[in-house]
C-alpha cells in the first residue's frame, strides 16, 4: 500500500466520536457505582455507609426466602431512621400515605369535633370542606338534637349511631 492510500482521521473527528462515548460510559458508571473497580469506587463514592445499606436492601430483596419488594424495604428503612430520632412529631410517610395525607379531606361523619355538655354537644371545630362547614355550622354552637333525638347527656364516644337527618 502506498502512503497516499492509507486514510488517517483528523484528531477532531476522533475526539468527536470518542468524547460522547466516554461521556455516556461515565454517566452510566456514575449511576451504577457497584460496577466500578474497588479503587475507583472508593475514590468516587464517599459514603460507604450508604453502600452498606444499599447492599443490605438488595440482598434481602433477592436472597430472602420469600419475595420482598425493594420499595417496601426502602420505606421501612426510612421509617426506622425517622423513628430513631425519638421525636413524637416526626413520622415517615410512604408515597401512598403522603398522597392520602395531602388529598382533600373526606369524612365519615359531618366533619366536626365536639365536646359533650349536659345539654348536648358543643362544636369545638368545623373541618374545612366538610358537610358541617357547607351547611354553615360554626365552632361554639351547641347541637341539642339530631333527627328528633335529644342529645342531652350523650357521650359521643359511647353513643355512636348513624343518625342521618337534620341537626337542631
C-alpha atoms as a PDB file:
ATOM      1  CA  UNK A   1       0.000   0.000   0.000  1.00  0.00           C
ATOM      2  CA  UNK A   2       1.143   3.410  -0.788  1.00  0.00           C
ATOM      3  CA  UNK A   3       1.194   6.126   1.854  1.00  0.00           C
ATOM      4  CA  UNK A   4      -1.450   8.063  -0.053  1.00  0.00           C
ATOM      5  CA  UNK A   5      -3.941   5.158   0.080  1.00  0.00           C
ATOM      6  CA  UNK A   6      -3.992   4.850   3.894  1.00  0.00           C
ATOM      7  CA  UNK A   7      -6.528   7.174   5.431  1.00  0.00           C
ATOM      8  CA  UNK A   8      -5.842   8.963   8.644  1.00  0.00           C
ATOM      9  CA  UNK A   9      -8.663  10.550  10.550  1.00  0.00           C
ATOM     10  CA  UNK A  10      -8.062  14.057  11.822  1.00  0.00           C
ATOM     11  CA  UNK A  11      -7.840  14.292  15.616  1.00  0.00           C
ATOM     12  CA  UNK A  12     -11.012  16.426  15.713  1.00  0.00           C
ATOM     13  CA  UNK A  13     -13.113  13.614  14.205  1.00  0.00           C
ATOM     14  CA  UNK A  14     -11.618  11.032  16.573  1.00  0.00           C
ATOM     15  CA  UNK A  15     -12.404  13.302  19.532  1.00  0.00           C
ATOM     16  CA  UNK A  16     -15.915  13.995  18.233  1.00  0.00           C
ATOM     17  CA  UNK A  17     -16.650  10.247  18.199  1.00  0.00           C
ATOM     18  CA  UNK A  18     -14.745   9.253  21.317  1.00  0.00           C
ATOM     19  CA  UNK A  19     -15.881  12.053  23.645  1.00  0.00           C
ATOM     20  CA  UNK A  20     -19.641  11.262  23.580  1.00  0.00           C
ATOM     21  CA  UNK A  21     -18.871   7.562  24.075  1.00  0.00           C
ATOM     22  CA  UNK A  22     -16.697   8.325  27.100  1.00  0.00           C
ATOM     23  CA  UNK A  23     -19.313  10.726  28.450  1.00  0.00           C
ATOM     24  CA  UNK A  24     -22.061   8.105  28.120  1.00  0.00           C
ATOM     25  CA  UNK A  25     -19.878   5.483  29.830  1.00  0.00           C
ATOM     26  CA  UNK A  26     -19.103   7.896  32.663  1.00  0.00           C
ATOM     27  CA  UNK A  27     -22.760   8.741  33.187  1.00  0.00           C
ATOM     28  CA  UNK A  28     -23.685   5.068  33.236  1.00  0.00           C
ATOM     29  CA  UNK A  29     -20.952   4.199  35.735  1.00  0.00           C
ATOM     30  CA  UNK A  30     -21.922   7.191  37.863  1.00  0.00           C
ATOM     31  CA  UNK A  31     -25.393   5.705  38.245  1.00  0.00           C
ATOM     32  CA  UNK A  32     -24.027   2.201  38.835  1.00  0.00           C
ATOM     33  CA  UNK A  33     -21.040   2.574  41.178  1.00  0.00           C
ATOM     34  CA  UNK A  34     -21.170  -1.138  42.036  1.00  0.00           C
ATOM     35  CA  UNK A  35     -19.701  -1.829  38.550  1.00  0.00           C
ATOM     36  CA  UNK A  36     -16.636   0.300  39.204  1.00  0.00           C
ATOM     37  CA  UNK A  37     -13.400  -1.381  40.286  1.00  0.00           C
ATOM     38  CA  UNK A  38     -12.841  -1.182  44.049  1.00  0.00           C
ATOM     39  CA  UNK A  39     -10.132   1.502  43.946  1.00  0.00           C
ATOM     40  CA  UNK A  40     -12.314   3.731  41.738  1.00  0.00           C
ATOM     41  CA  UNK A  41     -15.460   3.089  43.751  1.00  0.00           C
ATOM     42  CA  UNK A  42     -13.785   4.224  46.960  1.00  0.00           C
ATOM     43  CA  UNK A  43     -12.431   7.309  45.167  1.00  0.00           C
ATOM     44  CA  UNK A  44     -15.824   8.368  43.747  1.00  0.00           C
ATOM     45  CA  UNK A  45     -18.327   7.062  46.299  1.00  0.00           C
ATOM     46  CA  UNK A  46     -17.615   8.836  49.550  1.00  0.00           C
ATOM     47  CA  UNK A  47     -20.416   7.497  51.726  1.00  0.00           C
ATOM     48  CA  UNK A  48     -19.505   3.882  52.481  1.00  0.00           C
ATOM     49  CA  UNK A  49     -22.400   3.550  54.939  1.00  0.00           C
ATOM     50  CA  UNK A  50     -24.989   4.175  52.220  1.00  0.00           C
ATOM     51  CA  UNK A  51     -23.311   1.441  50.161  1.00  0.00           C
ATOM     52  CA  UNK A  52     -23.740  -0.931  53.098  1.00  0.00           C
ATOM     53  CA  UNK A  53     -27.436  -0.031  53.418  1.00  0.00           C
ATOM     54  CA  UNK A  54     -27.988  -0.383  49.670  1.00  0.00           C
ATOM     55  CA  UNK A  55     -26.235  -3.755  49.645  1.00  0.00           C
ATOM     56  CA  UNK A  56     -28.272  -4.995  52.612  1.00  0.00           C
ATOM     57  CA  UNK A  57     -31.546  -3.964  50.976  1.00  0.00           C
ATOM     58  CA  UNK A  58     -30.506  -5.595  47.704  1.00  0.00           C
ATOM     59  CA  UNK A  59     -29.524  -8.845  49.438  1.00  0.00           C
ATOM     60  CA  UNK A  60     -32.760  -9.027  51.405  1.00  0.00           C
ATOM     61  CA  UNK A  61     -34.812  -8.304  48.280  1.00  0.00           C
ATOM     62  CA  UNK A  62     -33.054 -11.006  46.248  1.00  0.00           C
ATOM     63  CA  UNK A  63     -31.982 -13.635  48.810  1.00  0.00           C
ATOM     64  CA  UNK A  64     -34.746 -13.696  51.411  1.00  0.00           C
ATOM     65  CA  UNK A  65     -36.839 -16.895  51.447  1.00  0.00           C
ATOM     66  CA  UNK A  66     -39.872 -15.005  50.095  1.00  0.00           C
ATOM     67  CA  UNK A  67     -40.079 -12.032  47.740  1.00  0.00           C
ATOM     68  CA  UNK A  68     -39.861  -8.633  49.410  1.00  0.00           C
ATOM     69  CA  UNK A  69     -40.277  -5.556  47.195  1.00  0.00           C
ATOM     70  CA  UNK A  70     -37.314  -3.188  47.319  1.00  0.00           C
ATOM     71  CA  UNK A  71     -39.734  -0.269  47.720  1.00  0.00           C
ATOM     72  CA  UNK A  72     -41.108  -1.837  50.920  1.00  0.00           C
ATOM     73  CA  UNK A  73     -37.586  -2.279  52.288  1.00  0.00           C
ATOM     74  CA  UNK A  74     -36.668   1.323  51.407  1.00  0.00           C
ATOM     75  CA  UNK A  75     -39.827   2.614  53.122  1.00  0.00           C
ATOM     76  CA  UNK A  76     -39.108   0.514  56.222  1.00  0.00           C
ATOM     77  CA  UNK A  77     -35.508   1.788  56.310  1.00  0.00           C
ATOM     78  CA  UNK A  78     -36.624   5.409  56.137  1.00  0.00           C
ATOM     79  CA  UNK A  79     -39.372   4.844  58.719  1.00  0.00           C
ATOM     80  CA  UNK A  80     -36.804   3.291  61.060  1.00  0.00           C
ATOM     81  CA  UNK A  81     -34.409   6.190  60.565  1.00  0.00           C
ATOM     82  CA  UNK A  82     -37.115   8.749  61.381  1.00  0.00           C
ATOM     83  CA  UNK A  83     -38.362   6.685  64.353  1.00  0.00           C
ATOM     84  CA  UNK A  84     -34.817   6.570  65.741  1.00  0.00           C
ATOM     85  CA  UNK A  85     -34.962  10.343  66.188  1.00  0.00           C
ATOM     86  CA  UNK A  86     -37.249   9.835  69.192  1.00  0.00           C
ATOM     87  CA  UNK A  87     -39.439  12.752  68.121  1.00  0.00           C
ATOM     88  CA  UNK A  88     -43.140  12.028  68.515  1.00  0.00           C
ATOM     89  CA  UNK A  89     -43.958  14.694  65.911  1.00  0.00           C
ATOM     90  CA  UNK A  90     -41.725  13.241  63.178  1.00  0.00           C
ATOM     91  CA  UNK A  91     -43.097  10.430  61.024  1.00  0.00           C
ATOM     92  CA  UNK A  92     -42.124   8.981  57.682  1.00  0.00           C
ATOM     93  CA  UNK A  93     -44.997   8.669  55.238  1.00  0.00           C
ATOM     94  CA  UNK A  94     -44.787   6.250  52.336  1.00  0.00           C
ATOM     95  CA  UNK A  95     -45.599   7.778  48.943  1.00  0.00           C
ATOM     96  CA  UNK A  96     -49.170   6.397  49.184  1.00  0.00           C
ATOM     97  CA  UNK A  97     -49.604   7.691  52.741  1.00  0.00           C
ATOM     98  CA  UNK A  98     -48.281  11.108  51.697  1.00  0.00           C
ATOM     99  CA  UNK A  99     -50.694  11.194  48.751  1.00  0.00           C
ATOM    100  CA  UNK A 100     -53.604  10.393  51.056  1.00  0.00           C
ATOM    101  CA  UNK A 101     -52.371  12.920  53.633  1.00  0.00           C
ATOM    102  CA  UNK A 102     -52.352  15.683  51.008  1.00  0.00           C
ATOM    103  CA  UNK A 103     -55.680  14.661  49.464  1.00  0.00           C
ATOM    104  CA  UNK A 104     -58.728  16.784  50.185  1.00  0.00           C
ATOM    105  CA  UNK A 105     -60.390  15.630  53.398  1.00  0.00           C
ATOM    106  CA  UNK A 106     -63.209  13.111  53.385  1.00  0.00           C
ATOM    107  CA  UNK A 107     -65.459  12.484  56.341  1.00  0.00           C
ATOM    108  CA  UNK A 108     -67.409   9.591  57.747  1.00  0.00           C
ATOM    109  CA  UNK A 109     -69.477  11.963  59.876  1.00  0.00           C
ATOM    110  CA  UNK A 110     -70.448  15.575  59.462  1.00  0.00           C
ATOM    111  CA  UNK A 111     -66.911  16.940  59.955  1.00  0.00           C
ATOM    112  CA  UNK A 112     -66.876  18.437  63.435  1.00  0.00           C
ATOM    113  CA  UNK A 113     -65.079  17.810  66.691  1.00  0.00           C
ATOM    114  CA  UNK A 114     -67.385  18.059  69.672  1.00  0.00           C
ATOM    115  CA  UNK A 115     -67.287  18.240  73.449  1.00  0.00           C
ATOM    116  CA  UNK A 116     -70.132  16.737  75.460  1.00  0.00           C
ATOM    117  CA  UNK A 117     -72.044  19.139  77.686  1.00  0.00           C
ATOM    118  CA  UNK A 118     -75.068  18.388  79.870  1.00  0.00           C
ATOM    119  CA  UNK A 119     -77.440  19.935  77.269  1.00  0.00           C
ATOM    120  CA  UNK A 120     -75.841  18.480  74.083  1.00  0.00           C
ATOM    121  CA  UNK A 121     -72.653  18.591  72.046  1.00  0.00           C
ATOM    122  CA  UNK A 122     -70.562  21.759  71.816  1.00  0.00           C
ATOM    123  CA  UNK A 123     -68.858  22.151  68.427  1.00  0.00           C
ATOM    124  CA  UNK A 124     -65.152  22.713  69.037  1.00  0.00           C
ATOM    125  CA  UNK A 125     -64.015  22.709  65.416  1.00  0.00           C
ATOM    126  CA  UNK A 126     -65.623  22.556  61.999  1.00  0.00           C
ATOM    127  CA  UNK A 127     -63.348  20.946  59.398  1.00  0.00           C
ATOM    128  CA  UNK A 128     -62.862  22.619  56.032  1.00  0.00           C
ATOM    129  CA  UNK A 129     -64.712  21.105  53.071  1.00  0.00           C
ATOM    130  CA  UNK A 130     -66.924  19.056  55.407  1.00  0.00           C
ATOM    131  CA  UNK A 131     -70.698  18.667  55.288  1.00  0.00           C
ATOM    132  CA  UNK A 132     -70.857  20.701  58.522  1.00  0.00           C
ATOM    133  CA  UNK A 133     -68.940  23.642  57.008  1.00  0.00           C
ATOM    134  CA  UNK A 134     -71.087  23.541  53.861  1.00  0.00           C
ATOM    135  CA  UNK A 135     -74.242  23.665  55.991  1.00  0.00           C
ATOM    136  CA  UNK A 136     -72.959  26.682  57.920  1.00  0.00           C
ATOM    137  CA  UNK A 137     -72.232  25.160  61.329  1.00  0.00           C
ATOM    138  CA  UNK A 138     -69.721  27.148  63.400  1.00  0.00           C
ATOM    139  CA  UNK A 139     -67.404  26.400  66.314  1.00  0.00           C
ATOM    140  CA  UNK A 140     -69.066  27.339  69.610  1.00  0.00           C
ATOM    141  CA  UNK A 141     -72.565  26.288  68.517  1.00  0.00           C
ATOM    142  CA  UNK A 142     -74.444  23.680  70.544  1.00  0.00           C
ATOM    143  CA  UNK A 143     -76.087  20.657  68.917  1.00  0.00           C
ATOM    144  CA  UNK A 144     -79.060  19.660  71.079  1.00  0.00           C
ATOM    145  CA  UNK A 145     -80.739  17.093  68.826  1.00  0.00           C
ATOM    146  CA  UNK A 146     -80.379  15.048  65.641  1.00  0.00           C
ATOM    147  CA  UNK A 147     -83.380  13.894  63.608  1.00  0.00           C
ATOM    148  CA  UNK A 148     -85.755  14.309  66.560  1.00  0.00           C
ATOM    149  CA  UNK A 149     -83.415  12.576  69.027  1.00  0.00           C
ATOM    150  CA  UNK A 150     -82.333  14.694  72.010  1.00  0.00           C
ATOM    151  CA  UNK A 151     -78.594  14.761  72.744  1.00  0.00           C
ATOM    152  CA  UNK A 152     -78.891  15.753  76.430  1.00  0.00           C
ATOM    153  CA  UNK A 153     -76.211  13.840  78.418  1.00  0.00           C
ATOM    154  CA  UNK A 154     -74.870  11.979  75.351  1.00  0.00           C
ATOM    155  CA  UNK A 155     -71.335  10.579  75.295  1.00  0.00           C
ATOM    156  CA  UNK A 156     -70.080  10.970  71.686  1.00  0.00           C
ATOM    157  CA  UNK A 157     -67.556   8.123  72.079  1.00  0.00           C
ATOM    158  CA  UNK A 158     -70.008   5.635  73.579  1.00  0.00           C
ATOM    159  CA  UNK A 159     -73.224   6.549  71.749  1.00  0.00           C
ATOM    160  CA  UNK A 160     -72.009   6.347  68.136  1.00  0.00           C
ATOM    161  CA  UNK A 161     -75.012   5.586  65.978  1.00  0.00           C
ATOM    162  CA  UNK A 162     -75.504   6.607  62.407  1.00  0.00           C
ATOM    163  CA  UNK A 163     -78.258   9.186  62.543  1.00  0.00           C
ATOM    164  CA  UNK A 164     -78.903  10.692  59.146  1.00  0.00           C
ATOM    165  CA  UNK A 165     -81.127  13.652  59.331  1.00  0.00           C
ATOM    166  CA  UNK A 166     -81.275  17.231  60.416  1.00  0.00           C
ATOM    167  CA  UNK A 167     -79.295  18.751  63.249  1.00  0.00           C
ATOM    168  CA  UNK A 168     -81.089  21.128  65.591  1.00  0.00           C
END
